[in-house]
Amino acid sequence: MKLNYTIEGNGPWVTMSHSLACNLSMWDEQAALLVSEGYQVLRFDTRGHGRSPAPDALYTLDELAEDVYELFATLGITRTHWVGLSMGGMIGETYALNHPGVFQTMVLADTTSRRPDGADKMWGDRMQLAREHGMEALVESTLARWFTEPYRKARPDVMARIGADIRATPVPGFAGCCHAISKVDLLERLPEIRCPVYVIVGEHDHGTPPEMARQIHENLPGSELLVIPSAAHLSNVEQPEIFNRALVDFLRRHR
């Protein structure tokens, strides 16, 4: 799997992994900030997203983590900080458990380590909707989950940009990754992760709510937890000042 990626800056590695139905551009603002802080930032399109291949298959989190393993091997990366949001957090958790010792720190934003009851049906319904009607059918409902209503009304420009990313996501890639994240079940293994972890979640995130973030935090001894007010699922986009300040402070303390 030859993933599309971009590298910017010089210094310690920071790897950034995006949400379902997004691409590496989701991290534009954070990447620019980290480069200015003296980091070398790797961003990539998860398989099935952006400019990476989209095999028509049902993916697993182990496969998505192995894609990252191969990318690191290609680039010679043996140590890196990890910043993952939603699906990117799940990939990071899986990688950290499969390949301990690579991550210097982890930021797990708006993500989960265990899906609730009914996840298979919920994700199955979304996969079917995408296959039958295309990604356009998912745009409005996804934006409604990802952002608070006041933000959606105030920032039509952001809604147009993120909406375009959702539409551009290949249906096979979306469906394949839906299957992967519908099976996430890592909660009981989280204590095996030894690096410093910062858990971040939007106060109004309904997809991966604060309760899920607290579960991760409680199962990672020594981890930190931040609940960002007035933010839903894409907290790095909706409240970038708070997210960025927390991210930079955390990385500085563990540089």
Protein backbone atom coordinates (compact mmCIF):
# COMPACT_ATOMS: atom_id res chain seq x y z
CA MET A 1 0.00 0.00 0.00
CA LYS A 2 1.74 3.16 -1.22
CA LEU A 3 0.26 5.96 0.85
CA ASN A 4 0.24 9.57 -0.28
CA TYR A 5 2.16 11.71 2.22
CA THR A 6 3.84 15.06 2.74
CA ILE A 7 6.80 16.04 4.92
CA GLU A 8 7.47 19.58 6.16
CA GLY A 9 10.03 21.13 8.48
CA ASN A 10 13.05 19.86 10.37
CA GLY A 11 13.48 18.48 13.85
CA PRO A 12 11.86 15.67 15.85
CA TRP A 13 9.23 13.74 13.90
CA VAL A 14 5.52 14.36 14.45
CA THR A 15 3.12 12.11 12.53
CA MET A 16 -0.48 13.27 12.02
CA SER A 17 -3.36 10.94 11.15
CA HIS A 18 -6.75 12.26 10.01
CA SER A 19 -10.41 11.41 10.55
CA LEU A 20 -12.67 9.22 8.43
CA ALA A 21 -13.83 11.00 5.26
CA CYS A 22 -11.06 13.61 5.54
CA ASN A 23 -7.49 13.72 4.27
CA LEU A 24 -4.12 15.08 5.34
CA SER A 25 -5.27 18.68 4.71
CA MET A 26 -7.35 18.40 7.89
CA TRP A 27 -4.13 19.19 9.75
CA ASP A 28 -3.02 22.21 7.68
CA GLU A 29 -3.11 24.72 10.54
CA GLN A 30 -1.53 22.39 13.10
CA ALA A 31 1.20 21.28 10.69
CA ALA A 32 2.22 24.87 9.93
CA LEU A 33 2.38 25.62 13.64
CA LEU A 34 4.49 22.55 14.43
CA VAL A 35 6.92 23.36 11.64
CA SER A 36 7.34 26.83 13.16
CA GLU A 37 8.02 25.15 16.51
CA GLY A 38 10.91 23.15 15.05
CA TYR A 39 9.35 19.78 14.24
CA GLN A 40 9.46 17.64 11.11
CA VAL A 41 5.83 16.88 10.33
CA LEU A 42 4.67 13.81 8.43
CA ARG A 43 1.06 13.78 7.24
CA PHE A 44 -0.45 11.02 5.14
CA ASP A 45 -3.72 10.02 3.52
CA THR A 46 -5.04 6.83 5.10
CA ARG A 47 -5.78 4.07 2.57
CA GLY A 48 -9.09 4.79 0.87
CA HIS A 49 -8.75 8.55 1.38
CA GLY A 50 -7.24 11.54 -0.38
CA ARG A 51 -4.66 10.48 -2.95
CA SER A 52 -3.93 7.08 -1.44
CA PRO A 53 -5.25 3.93 -3.12
CA ALA A 54 -8.79 2.80 -2.23
CA PRO A 55 -9.02 -0.99 -2.54
CA ASP A 56 -12.58 -2.28 -2.73
CA ALA A 57 -12.41 -4.44 0.40
CA LEU A 58 -13.24 -4.45 4.08
CA TYR A 59 -10.21 -3.05 5.94
CA THR A 60 -9.08 -3.75 9.50
CA LEU A 61 -7.35 -1.47 11.99
CA ASP A 62 -4.40 -3.86 11.96
CA GLU A 63 -4.08 -3.35 8.20
CA LEU A 64 -4.29 0.42 8.54
CA ALA A 65 -1.61 0.32 11.24
CA GLU A 66 0.61 -1.88 9.04
CA ASP A 67 0.28 0.70 6.26
CA VAL A 68 1.86 3.16 8.69
CA TYR A 69 4.54 0.62 9.62
CA GLU A 70 5.51 0.30 5.95
CA LEU A 71 5.52 4.09 5.54
CA PHE A 72 7.80 4.51 8.54
CA ALA A 73 10.09 1.80 7.20
CA THR A 74 10.29 3.55 3.84
CA LEU A 75 11.14 6.88 5.50
CA GLY A 76 13.47 5.44 8.12
CA ILE A 77 11.36 6.64 11.05
CA THR A 78 12.07 4.77 14.28
CA ARG A 79 10.77 7.38 16.78
CA THR A 80 7.95 9.88 16.34
CA HIS A 81 5.26 11.75 18.18
CA TRP A 82 1.75 10.73 17.04
CA VAL A 83 -1.28 13.00 16.67
CA GLY A 84 -4.45 11.20 15.61
CA LEU A 85 -8.07 12.32 15.53
CA SER A 86 -11.03 9.92 15.41
CA MET A 87 -9.97 7.13 13.04
CA GLY A 88 -6.43 8.49 13.30
CA GLY A 89 -6.53 7.93 17.05
CA MET A 90 -7.71 4.34 16.60
CA ILE A 91 -4.93 3.67 14.10
CA GLY A 92 -2.45 5.15 16.57
CA GLU A 93 -3.69 2.99 19.45
CA THR A 94 -3.45 -0.11 17.25
CA TYR A 95 0.05 0.79 16.06
CA ALA A 96 1.29 1.50 19.59
CA LEU A 97 0.08 -1.91 20.76
CA ASN A 98 1.45 -3.77 17.73
CA HIS A 99 4.78 -1.91 17.62
CA PRO A 100 5.66 -0.65 21.11
CA GLY A 101 8.49 1.82 21.57
CA VAL A 102 8.06 3.81 18.36
CA PHE A 103 5.81 6.58 19.65
CA GLN A 104 7.51 9.14 21.84
CA THR A 105 4.12 10.59 22.77
CA MET A 106 0.53 10.26 21.57
CA VAL A 107 -2.28 12.77 21.21
CA LEU A 108 -5.59 10.94 20.92
CA ALA A 109 -8.27 13.41 19.90
CA ASP A 110 -12.01 12.78 19.57
CA THR A 111 -11.56 9.04 19.35
CA THR A 112 -12.45 5.82 21.11
CA SER A 113 -10.95 2.48 22.02
CA ARG A 114 -14.21 0.53 22.07
CA ARG A 115 -17.33 0.94 19.98
CA PRO A 116 -20.71 0.87 21.76
CA ASP A 117 -23.43 -1.72 21.21
CA GLY A 118 -25.05 -1.29 17.82
CA ALA A 119 -21.90 -0.01 16.13
CA ASP A 120 -22.02 -2.69 13.45
CA LYS A 121 -25.52 -1.65 12.38
CA MET A 122 -24.77 2.08 12.52
CA TRP A 123 -21.65 1.77 10.38
CA GLY A 124 -23.30 -0.80 8.15
CA ASP A 125 -26.14 1.63 7.43
CA ARG A 126 -23.67 4.37 6.50
CA MET A 127 -21.73 2.01 4.25
CA GLN A 128 -24.93 1.00 2.48
CA LEU A 129 -26.02 4.63 2.07
CA ALA A 130 -22.68 5.55 0.50
CA ARG A 131 -22.72 2.54 -1.84
CA GLU A 132 -26.29 3.17 -3.00
CA HIS A 133 -26.34 6.98 -3.20
CA GLY A 134 -22.72 8.14 -3.13
CA MET A 135 -20.89 10.28 -0.60
CA GLU A 136 -23.13 13.28 -1.31
CA ALA A 137 -25.85 11.56 0.72
CA LEU A 138 -23.63 11.69 3.81
CA VAL A 139 -22.38 15.28 3.66
CA GLU A 140 -25.04 17.18 5.61
CA SER A 141 -25.50 14.59 8.36
CA THR A 142 -21.74 14.28 8.79
CA LEU A 143 -21.21 18.02 9.08
CA ALA A 144 -24.01 18.15 11.64
CA ARG A 145 -22.18 15.59 13.77
CA TRP A 146 -18.74 17.07 13.30
CA PHE A 147 -19.49 20.71 14.19
CA THR A 148 -21.78 22.56 16.58
CA GLU A 149 -24.71 24.40 15.02
CA PRO A 150 -23.42 27.91 15.89
CA TYR A 151 -20.10 27.13 14.19
CA ARG A 152 -21.79 25.70 11.11
CA LYS A 153 -23.84 28.87 10.74
CA ALA A 154 -20.88 31.18 11.37
CA ARG A 155 -18.39 29.43 9.06
CA PRO A 156 -19.98 28.43 5.74
CA ASP A 157 -16.51 28.57 4.20
CA VAL A 158 -15.27 25.78 6.45
CA MET A 159 -18.45 23.78 5.84
CA ALA A 160 -17.86 24.07 2.09
CA ARG A 161 -14.22 22.95 2.42
CA ILE A 162 -14.87 20.00 4.71
CA GLY A 163 -17.98 19.08 2.75
CA ALA A 164 -15.86 18.90 -0.40
CA ASP A 165 -13.43 16.54 1.36
CA ILE A 166 -16.31 14.25 2.36
CA ARG A 167 -17.65 14.20 -1.22
CA ALA A 168 -14.19 13.44 -2.59
CA THR A 169 -13.67 10.40 -0.37
CA PRO A 170 -13.89 7.25 -2.53
CA VAL A 171 -16.88 5.11 -1.58
CA PRO A 172 -14.76 1.91 -1.34
CA GLY A 173 -12.32 3.69 0.95
CA PHE A 174 -15.08 5.08 3.15
CA ALA A 175 -16.80 1.71 3.40
CA GLY A 176 -13.55 -0.15 4.03
CA CYS A 177 -12.58 2.18 6.87
CA CYS A 178 -16.12 2.15 8.32
CA HIS A 179 -15.73 -1.60 8.69
CA ALA A 180 -12.34 -1.18 10.38
CA ILE A 181 -13.46 1.31 13.00
CA SER A 182 -16.71 -0.52 13.68
CA LYS A 183 -14.60 -3.35 15.14
CA VAL A 184 -12.37 -1.29 17.46
CA ASP A 185 -11.93 -3.10 20.78
CA LEU A 186 -8.72 -1.99 22.46
CA LEU A 187 -9.84 -0.60 25.83
CA GLU A 188 -8.59 -3.43 28.00
CA ARG A 189 -5.16 -3.38 26.31
CA LEU A 190 -4.55 0.36 26.69
CA PRO A 191 -2.48 -0.03 29.91
CA GLU A 192 0.16 -1.70 27.72
CA ILE A 193 0.88 1.69 26.10
CA ARG A 194 3.79 3.25 27.99
CA CYS A 195 4.41 6.61 26.33
CA PRO A 196 2.89 9.91 27.54
CA VAL A 197 -0.64 10.36 26.17
CA TYR A 198 -2.84 13.44 25.90
CA VAL A 199 -6.54 12.68 25.39
CA ILE A 200 -8.51 15.55 23.84
CA VAL A 201 -12.24 15.70 23.07
CA GLY A 202 -14.81 18.28 22.08
CA GLU A 203 -17.43 18.99 24.72
CA HIS A 204 -20.23 18.40 22.20
CA ASP A 205 -18.71 15.46 20.32
CA HIS A 206 -21.59 13.01 19.91
CA GLY A 207 -19.73 10.48 17.75
CA THR A 208 -16.91 9.85 20.23
CA PRO A 209 -18.24 11.69 23.29
CA PRO A 210 -16.32 12.79 26.39
CA GLU A 211 -17.39 9.58 28.14
CA MET A 212 -15.29 7.60 25.66
CA ALA A 213 -12.35 9.96 26.14
CA ARG A 214 -12.59 9.49 29.89
CA GLN A 215 -12.51 5.71 29.42
CA ILE A 216 -9.27 6.04 27.47
CA HIS A 217 -7.84 8.41 30.08
CA GLU A 218 -8.79 6.13 32.97
CA ASN A 219 -7.13 3.14 31.29
CA LEU A 220 -3.89 4.97 30.51
CA PRO A 221 -2.12 5.65 33.81
CA GLY A 222 -0.45 9.05 33.77
CA SER A 223 -2.35 10.32 30.73
CA GLU A 224 -3.83 13.81 30.55
CA LEU A 225 -7.38 14.74 29.54
CA LEU A 226 -8.71 17.95 27.98
CA VAL A 227 -12.38 18.60 27.17
CA ILE A 228 -12.59 21.51 24.72
CA PRO A 229 -15.66 23.71 25.19
CA SER A 230 -17.85 24.74 22.25
CA ALA A 231 -16.46 22.02 19.99
CA ALA A 232 -17.85 18.85 18.47
CA HIS A 233 -15.97 16.09 16.63
CA LEU A 234 -13.36 18.01 14.60
CA SER A 235 -12.15 19.94 17.62
CA ASN A 236 -8.88 20.91 15.91
CA VAL A 237 -10.88 22.77 13.25
CA GLU A 238 -13.66 24.24 15.39
CA GLN A 239 -11.49 25.45 18.28
CA PRO A 240 -7.97 25.64 16.81
CA GLU A 241 -6.58 28.10 19.36
CA ILE A 242 -7.38 25.85 22.32
CA PHE A 243 -6.34 22.69 20.47
CA ASN A 244 -3.10 24.18 19.20
CA ARG A 245 -2.08 25.61 22.55
CA ALA A 246 -2.66 22.25 24.22
CA LEU A 247 -0.81 20.36 21.49
CA VAL A 248 2.26 22.59 21.48
CA ASP A 249 2.47 22.68 25.28
CA PHE A 250 2.27 18.89 25.49
CA LEU A 251 4.95 18.34 22.87
CA ARG A 252 7.25 20.92 24.44
CA ARG A 253 7.04 19.16 27.79
CA HIS A 254 7.97 15.81 26.22
CA ARG A 255 10.39 16.95 23.54
